[in-house]
Amino acid sequence: MKKQELPEWFDGELCEEGRVVQNKHRDDKFELTNVESTMYDFVCSTLAIIGMGIGGAKESEDMHKGMEWFKENNHDAYLFVNNYLQSFDHFKY
């Protein structure tokens, strides 16, 4: 597996450790690296902003870029995150 790096456009902080995330809607879990965990937090935070109705085109673009990052860096993680996010009514990816 190639070394994962956050994209240049990302300006958040890197999580120090990976973690296991759980999709409580489907009762499954997935282990993320620290880099994947960072992007997961970013995608989920962006979704929350969109869900509160305060996000606009930039947040939608950020969400898309975050999901594309997952697709390119770990397709299995992308599928997990995508399935998890599909459980939210306001998620449109």
Foldseek 3Di string as FASTA:
>chain_A
DDDDDDDPVDDDDFAPAWAKDAQPVVGDIDTDGSRLVVLLVVLVVLVVCVVVVNDDPVSVVSNVVSLVSCCVPPVVSSVVSVVSQVVDPRDDD
